[in-house]
C-alpha atoms as a PDB file:
ATOM      1  CA  MET A   1      10.393 -12.061 -21.516  1.00  0.00           C
ATOM      2  CA  ARG A   2      13.938 -11.087 -20.302  1.00  0.00           C
ATOM      3  CA  LEU A   3      14.430 -10.887 -16.533  1.00  0.00           C
ATOM      4  CA  LEU A   4      17.502  -9.943 -14.524  1.00  0.00           C
ATOM      5  CA  ILE A   5      17.904 -11.429 -11.101  1.00  0.00           C
ATOM      6  CA  ALA A   6      19.998  -8.873  -9.605  1.00  0.00           C
ATOM      7  CA  THR A   7      22.350 -11.115  -7.520  1.00  0.00           C
ATOM      8  CA  THR A   8      25.616 -13.157  -7.797  1.00  0.00           C
ATOM      9  CA  ASN A   9      24.355 -15.419  -4.865  1.00  0.00           C
ATOM     10  CA  LEU A  10      23.463 -18.567  -6.638  1.00  0.00           C
ATOM     11  CA  GLY A  11      21.652 -19.883  -3.878  1.00  0.00           C
ATOM     12  CA  LYS A  12      19.285 -17.157  -4.024  1.00  0.00           C
ATOM     13  CA  ALA A  13      19.162 -17.123  -7.587  1.00  0.00           C
ATOM     14  CA  ARG A  14      18.014 -20.782  -7.793  1.00  0.00           C
ATOM     15  CA  GLU A  15      15.289 -20.226  -5.180  1.00  0.00           C
ATOM     16  CA  ILE A  16      13.897 -17.262  -7.097  1.00  0.00           C
ATOM     17  CA  LYS A  17      14.075 -19.031 -10.620  1.00  0.00           C
ATOM     18  CA  ALA A  18      12.347 -22.131  -9.472  1.00  0.00           C
ATOM     19  CA  GLU A  19       9.359 -20.175  -8.015  1.00  0.00           C
ATOM     20  CA  LEU A  20       9.113 -17.880 -11.024  1.00  0.00           C
ATOM     21  CA  LEU A  21       9.302 -20.987 -13.555  1.00  0.00           C
ATOM     22  CA  GLY A  22       6.662 -22.910 -11.899  1.00  0.00           C
ATOM     23  CA  ALA A  23       4.330 -19.622 -11.762  1.00  0.00           C
ATOM     24  CA  GLY A  24       2.934 -20.044 -15.411  1.00  0.00           C
ATOM     25  CA  ILE A  25       3.882 -16.472 -16.085  1.00  0.00           C
ATOM     26  CA  GLY A  26       4.892 -17.588 -19.473  1.00  0.00           C
ATOM     27  CA  GLU A  27       8.448 -17.706 -21.502  1.00  0.00           C
ATOM     28  CA  LEU A  28      10.819 -16.315 -19.267  1.00  0.00           C
ATOM     29  CA  GLU A  29      14.786 -16.012 -20.108  1.00  0.00           C
ATOM     30  CA  LEU A  30      16.128 -15.410 -16.672  1.00  0.00           C
ATOM     31  CA  LEU A  31      19.586 -13.708 -16.091  1.00  0.00           C
ATOM     32  CA  THR A  32      21.705 -13.002 -13.163  1.00  0.00           C
ATOM     33  CA  LEU A  33      24.609 -10.386 -12.600  1.00  0.00           C
ATOM     34  CA  HIS A  34      26.948 -13.091 -13.858  1.00  0.00           C
ATOM     35  CA  ASP A  35      25.693 -12.086 -17.185  1.00  0.00           C
ATOM     36  CA  PHE A  36      26.529  -8.432 -16.715  1.00  0.00           C
ATOM     37  CA  PRO A  37      29.967  -8.486 -15.044  1.00  0.00           C
ATOM     38  CA  ALA A  38      31.056  -4.937 -16.180  1.00  0.00           C
ATOM     39  CA  ILE A  39      27.909  -3.404 -14.230  1.00  0.00           C
ATOM     40  CA  PRO A  40      29.359  -1.617 -11.294  1.00  0.00           C
ATOM     41  CA  ASP A  41      28.150  -2.380  -7.756  1.00  0.00           C
ATOM     42  CA  VAL A  42      25.435  -0.367  -6.057  1.00  0.00           C
ATOM     43  CA  VAL A  43      25.805   1.084  -2.337  1.00  0.00           C
ATOM     44  CA  GLU A  44      22.966  -0.457  -0.285  1.00  0.00           C
ATOM     45  CA  ASP A  45      22.434   2.745   1.944  1.00  0.00           C
ATOM     46  CA  GLN A  46      18.751   2.876   2.533  1.00  0.00           C
ATOM     47  CA  PRO A  47      17.219   2.274   5.966  1.00  0.00           C
ATOM     48  CA  THR A  48      14.821  -0.365   4.848  1.00  0.00           C
ATOM     49  CA  PHE A  49      14.883  -3.696   2.898  1.00  0.00           C
ATOM     50  CA  GLY A  50      12.405  -2.261   0.368  1.00  0.00           C
ATOM     51  CA  GLY A  51      14.261   0.880  -0.021  1.00  0.00           C
ATOM     52  CA  ASN A  52      17.461  -1.158  -0.896  1.00  0.00           C
ATOM     53  CA  ALA A  53      15.653  -3.589  -2.980  1.00  0.00           C
ATOM     54  CA  MET A  54      14.240  -0.754  -5.011  1.00  0.00           C
ATOM     55  CA  LYS A  55      17.666   1.163  -5.269  1.00  0.00           C
ATOM     56  CA  LYS A  56      19.286  -2.164  -6.518  1.00  0.00           C
ATOM     57  CA  ALA A  57      16.404  -2.720  -9.100  1.00  0.00           C
ATOM     58  CA  ARG A  58      16.638   0.593 -10.805  1.00  0.00           C
ATOM     59  CA  HIS A  59      20.379   0.794 -10.918  1.00  0.00           C
ATOM     60  CA  TYR A  60      20.794  -2.725 -12.356  1.00  0.00           C
ATOM     61  CA  ALA A  61      17.782  -2.085 -14.724  1.00  0.00           C
ATOM     62  CA  VAL A  62      19.284   1.139 -16.112  1.00  0.00           C
ATOM     63  CA  HIS A  63      22.824  -0.352 -16.648  1.00  0.00           C
ATOM     64  CA  SER A  64      21.736  -3.645 -18.189  1.00  0.00           C
ATOM     65  CA  ASN A  65      18.439  -2.075 -19.938  1.00  0.00           C
ATOM     66  CA  VAL A  66      16.747  -5.211 -18.848  1.00  0.00           C
ATOM     67  CA  LEU A  67      13.543  -5.599 -16.438  1.00  0.00           C
ATOM     68  CA  THR A  68      15.166  -6.279 -13.054  1.00  0.00           C
ATOM     69  CA  LEU A  69      14.152  -7.874 -10.026  1.00  0.00           C
ATOM     70  CA  ALA A  70      16.219  -7.163  -6.946  1.00  0.00           C
ATOM     71  CA  ASP A  71      16.034  -8.653  -3.478  1.00  0.00           C
ATOM     72  CA  ASP A  72      17.013  -7.293  -0.088  1.00  0.00           C
ATOM     73  CA  SER A  73      16.510  -9.639   2.660  1.00  0.00           C
ATOM     74  CA  GLY A  74      17.781 -10.421   6.238  1.00  0.00           C
ATOM     75  CA  LEU A  75      17.461 -11.810   9.761  1.00  0.00           C
ATOM     76  CA  CYS A  76      15.752  -9.793  12.496  1.00  0.00           C
ATOM     77  CA  VAL A  77      16.416 -11.138  15.695  1.00  0.00           C
ATOM     78  CA  ASP A  78      14.161  -9.972  18.749  1.00  0.00           C
ATOM     79  CA  ALA A  79      17.110 -10.343  21.468  1.00  0.00           C
ATOM     80  CA  LEU A  80      19.289  -8.248  19.343  1.00  0.00           C
ATOM     81  CA  ASP A  81      16.668  -5.227  18.682  1.00  0.00           C
ATOM     82  CA  GLY A  82      16.066  -6.449  15.307  1.00  0.00           C
ATOM     83  CA  ALA A  83      19.852  -6.939  14.336  1.00  0.00           C
ATOM     84  CA  PRO A  84      21.368  -7.734  12.015  1.00  0.00           C
ATOM     85  CA  GLY A  85      18.572  -6.620   9.916  1.00  0.00           C
ATOM     86  CA  ILE A  86      19.636  -4.756   6.746  1.00  0.00           C
ATOM     87  CA  TYR A  87      23.155  -5.427   7.674  1.00  0.00           C
ATOM     88  CA  SER A  88      22.446  -9.264   7.702  1.00  0.00           C
ATOM     89  CA  ALA A  89      24.730 -10.002   4.555  1.00  0.00           C
ATOM     90  CA  ARG A  90      27.840  -8.239   5.952  1.00  0.00           C
ATOM     91  CA  TYR A  91      26.999  -8.488   9.783  1.00  0.00           C
ATOM     92  CA  ALA A  92      30.743  -9.723  10.327  1.00  0.00           C
ATOM     93  CA  GLY A  93      32.302  -7.293   7.925  1.00  0.00           C
ATOM     94  CA  GLN A  94      33.431  -7.280   4.163  1.00  0.00           C
ATOM     95  CA  PRO A  95      33.706  -9.411   1.922  1.00  0.00           C
ATOM     96  CA  CYS A  96      30.419 -10.990   3.053  1.00  0.00           C
ATOM     97  CA  ASP A  97      31.072 -14.532   4.636  1.00  0.00           C
ATOM     98  CA  ASP A  98      27.983 -16.794   5.603  1.00  0.00           C
ATOM     99  CA  ALA A  99      30.143 -18.579   8.259  1.00  0.00           C
ATOM    100  CA  ALA A 100      31.511 -15.521   9.905  1.00  0.00           C
ATOM    101  CA  ASN A 101      28.100 -14.071  10.181  1.00  0.00           C
ATOM    102  CA  ASN A 102      26.848 -17.107  11.809  1.00  0.00           C
ATOM    103  CA  ARG A 103      29.713 -17.372  14.267  1.00  0.00           C
ATOM    104  CA  LYS A 104      29.007 -13.777  15.386  1.00  0.00           C
ATOM    105  CA  LEU A 105      25.331 -14.316  15.734  1.00  0.00           C
ATOM    106  CA  LEU A 106      25.882 -17.310  17.846  1.00  0.00           C
ATOM    107  CA  SER A 107      28.346 -15.214  20.052  1.00  0.00           C
ATOM    108  CA  ALA A 108      25.905 -12.463  20.450  1.00  0.00           C
ATOM    109  CA  MET A 109      23.278 -14.948  21.285  1.00  0.00           C
ATOM    110  CA  LYS A 110      25.321 -17.048  23.800  1.00  0.00           C
ATOM    111  CA  ASP A 111      23.608 -15.920  26.933  1.00  0.00           C
ATOM    112  CA  VAL A 112      20.041 -15.837  25.727  1.00  0.00           C
ATOM    113  CA  PRO A 113      17.666 -18.520  26.831  1.00  0.00           C
ATOM    114  CA  ALA A 114      15.674 -20.577  24.391  1.00  0.00           C
ATOM    115  CA  GLU A 115      12.373 -18.826  25.036  1.00  0.00           C
ATOM    116  CA  LYS A 116      13.883 -15.498  24.166  1.00  0.00           C
ATOM    117  CA  ARG A 117      15.536 -16.694  20.786  1.00  0.00           C
ATOM    118  CA  GLY A 118      12.783 -15.447  18.525  1.00  0.00           C
ATOM    119  CA  ALA A 119      13.426 -14.128  15.152  1.00  0.00           C
ATOM    120  CA  GLN A 120      12.102 -13.596  11.675  1.00  0.00           C
ATOM    121  CA  PHE A 121      13.365 -13.697   8.275  1.00  0.00           C
ATOM    122  CA  VAL A 122      12.020 -10.580   6.017  1.00  0.00           C
ATOM    123  CA  CYS A 123      12.361 -10.416   2.287  1.00  0.00           C
ATOM    124  CA  ALA A 124      11.734  -7.362  -0.051  1.00  0.00           C
ATOM    125  CA  LEU A 125      11.535  -7.846  -3.682  1.00  0.00           C
ATOM    126  CA  ALA A 126      11.512  -4.740  -6.158  1.00  0.00           C
ATOM    127  CA  LEU A 127      10.906  -4.874  -9.989  1.00  0.00           C
ATOM    128  CA  ALA A 128      12.052  -1.916 -12.157  1.00  0.00           C
ATOM    129  CA  LEU A 129      12.130  -1.239 -16.003  1.00  0.00           C
ATOM    130  CA  PRO A 130      15.118   0.928 -17.137  1.00  0.00           C
ATOM    131  CA  ASN A 131      12.880   3.879 -17.272  1.00  0.00           C
ATOM    132  CA  LYS A 132      10.957   3.418 -13.954  1.00  0.00           C
ATOM    133  CA  PRO A 133      10.288   1.499 -10.841  1.00  0.00           C
ATOM    134  CA  LEU A 134       7.233  -0.880 -10.756  1.00  0.00           C
ATOM    135  CA  VAL A 135       6.582  -2.426  -7.528  1.00  0.00           C
ATOM    136  CA  VAL A 136       7.934  -3.345  -3.884  1.00  0.00           C
ATOM    137  CA  LEU A 137       6.748  -6.508  -2.227  1.00  0.00           C
ATOM    138  CA  SER A 138       7.568  -8.106   0.963  1.00  0.00           C
ATOM    139  CA  ASP A 139       7.132 -11.102   3.296  1.00  0.00           C
ATOM    140  CA  TYR A 140       8.548 -12.889   6.348  1.00  0.00           C
ATOM    141  CA  VAL A 141       8.690 -15.894   8.241  1.00  0.00           C
ATOM    142  CA  ILE A 142       8.822 -16.452  11.931  1.00  0.00           C
ATOM    143  CA  GLY A 143      11.054 -18.656  13.771  1.00  0.00           C
ATOM    144  CA  GLY A 144      14.098 -18.779  16.122  1.00  0.00           C
ATOM    145  CA  ILE A 145      17.864 -19.003  16.622  1.00  0.00           C
ATOM    146  CA  ALA A 146      19.382 -22.326  17.319  1.00  0.00           C
ATOM    147  CA  PHE A 147      22.194 -22.817  19.615  1.00  0.00           C
ATOM    148  CA  ALA A 148      24.369 -24.423  16.963  1.00  0.00           C
ATOM    149  CA  PRO A 149      24.259 -24.735  13.101  1.00  0.00           C
ATOM    150  CA  ARG A 150      22.514 -27.544  11.736  1.00  0.00           C
ATOM    151  CA  GLY A 151      21.712 -28.964   8.188  1.00  0.00           C
ATOM    152  CA  ASN A 152      23.700 -28.476   4.827  1.00  0.00           C
ATOM    153  CA  ASN A 153      21.272 -27.022   2.672  1.00  0.00           C
ATOM    154  CA  GLY A 154      20.575 -23.294   2.026  1.00  0.00           C
ATOM    155  CA  PHE A 155      22.815 -20.567   2.522  1.00  0.00           C
ATOM    156  CA  GLY A 156      23.234 -17.556   4.898  1.00  0.00           C
ATOM    157  CA  TYR A 157      21.728 -17.863   8.149  1.00  0.00           C
ATOM    158  CA  ASP A 158      19.895 -21.041   7.044  1.00  0.00           C
ATOM    159  CA  PRO A 159      21.585 -23.192   9.387  1.00  0.00           C
ATOM    160  CA  LEU A 160      20.842 -21.199  12.510  1.00  0.00           C
ATOM    161  CA  PHE A 161      17.001 -20.366  11.487  1.00  0.00           C
ATOM    162  CA  VAL A 162      14.608 -22.796  13.545  1.00  0.00           C
ATOM    163  CA  LEU A 163      11.000 -23.194  12.275  1.00  0.00           C
ATOM    164  CA  PRO A 164       9.136 -24.014  15.451  1.00  0.00           C
ATOM    165  CA  GLU A 165       6.490 -25.949  13.812  1.00  0.00           C
ATOM    166  CA  ARG A 166       8.831 -28.281  12.204  1.00  0.00           C
ATOM    167  CA  ARG A 167      11.728 -28.109  14.731  1.00  0.00           C
ATOM    168  CA  LEU A 168      14.087 -28.087  11.995  1.00  0.00           C
ATOM    169  CA  THR A 169      16.622 -25.219  10.660  1.00  0.00           C
ATOM    170  CA  THR A 170      15.778 -24.090   7.020  1.00  0.00           C
ATOM    171  CA  ALA A 171      19.180 -25.746   6.185  1.00  0.00           C
ATOM    172  CA  GLU A 172      17.733 -29.179   7.061  1.00  0.00           C
ATOM    173  CA  LEU A 173      14.982 -28.672   4.390  1.00  0.00           C
ATOM    174  CA  SER A 174      15.009 -29.535   0.827  1.00  0.00           C
ATOM    175  CA  MET A 175      15.117 -26.441  -1.561  1.00  0.00           C
ATOM    176  CA  GLU A 176      11.401 -27.149  -2.358  1.00  0.00           C
ATOM    177  CA  GLU A 177      10.240 -27.754   1.149  1.00  0.00           C
ATOM    178  CA  LYS A 178      12.079 -24.377   2.120  1.00  0.00           C
ATOM    179  CA  SER A 179      10.460 -22.399  -0.637  1.00  0.00           C
ATOM    180  CA  GLN A 180       6.972 -23.451   0.359  1.00  0.00           C
ATOM    181  CA  ILE A 181       7.243 -21.700   3.622  1.00  0.00           C
ATOM    182  CA  SER A 182      10.378 -19.280   3.389  1.00  0.00           C
ATOM    183  CA  HIS A 183      10.265 -15.545   3.476  1.00  0.00           C
ATOM    184  CA  ARG A 184      11.564 -15.512  -0.061  1.00  0.00           C
ATOM    185  CA  GLY A 185       9.448 -18.214  -1.523  1.00  0.00           C
ATOM    186  CA  LYS A 186       6.142 -16.248  -0.114  1.00  0.00           C
ATOM    187  CA  ALA A 187       7.532 -12.907  -1.476  1.00  0.00           C
ATOM    188  CA  VAL A 188       8.294 -14.331  -5.160  1.00  0.00           C
ATOM    189  CA  ARG A 189       4.948 -16.035  -5.313  1.00  0.00           C
ATOM    190  CA  ARG A 190       3.442 -12.669  -4.580  1.00  0.00           C
ATOM    191  CA  LEU A 191       5.552 -11.257  -7.125  1.00  0.00           C
ATOM    192  CA  ALA A 192       4.618 -13.813  -9.738  1.00  0.00           C
ATOM    193  CA  GLN A 193       0.658 -13.040  -8.975  1.00  0.00           C
ATOM    194  CA  TRP A 194       1.534  -9.407  -9.605  1.00  0.00           C
ATOM    195  CA  LEU A 195       3.136 -10.285 -12.855  1.00  0.00           C
ATOM    196  CA  LEU A 196       0.097 -12.256 -14.069  1.00  0.00           C
ATOM    197  CA  GLU A 197      -2.245  -9.133 -13.172  1.00  0.00           C
ATOM    198  CA  ASN A 198       0.137  -6.742 -14.628  1.00  0.00           C
ATOM    199  CA  PRO A 199       1.583  -7.954 -17.771  1.00  0.00           C
ATOM    200  CA  ILE A 200       4.796  -6.217 -19.080  1.00  0.00           C
ATOM    201  CA  PRO A 201       5.492  -6.120 -22.858  1.00  0.00           C
ATOM    202  CA  SER A 202       7.985  -8.448 -24.042  1.00  0.00           C
ATOM    203  CA  GLN A 203      11.460  -6.713 -24.550  1.00  0.00           C
END
C-alpha cells in the first residue's frame, strides 16, 4: 500500500513512519511531500486541528492520487488561553521557525509561575483517498512549559515541553521513548489500529 505522509517536516515524518512500520499493517510504501514537489501548498484556515488535518489530507490526496495521511498538531498552553494552538507552527510568523517560536513562547510566559505553566500537546490525524475522506483521529499528552529549553532531540516545542512524571522535556527523550507517550505516537497507534480494522485495497 502506498501512503503519502503529507509533511515536509522530516522529524515528524520519521516519528510517523516508525510507528506505522512497527504496527503490523503489512507492506507499506511511505512517501512524503518531498516526493511530490510540484503539489501546491494548502491554506490551513480551519478553526480546529482536525479540520486542518482533513483539509490537508484531501488536498494532497487529490493532487498526488495517493492515499494520504495528514497531521495537524500543536501546543495549547493554559496560561495563554490555549495559544498558540492551531497557530503553533507559525506562532512567531512566517516562515516557520522552531527557535523563534520557542523564544516567543518563553517571552509570553516569563511572569507565569511554575504551578500555572500547564499545557498539552494535541495531534489530529486525517486519512483520505483521492475521492473521499476516511477518518480523523486525535490524541493528546499533558505536561507543562519549562523556564528554558532543555534537550537536543525532537523538534518544535519539544525543548520546552516538560513531562511531569519524568521531569524531562520531550527533547531529552529518545525518539522511541517520546513516541511511547507523545500525542503523535498515541494518535498514530490509534490510526494503525483503524487501518487493521478497515483494510484499504492496494493502490
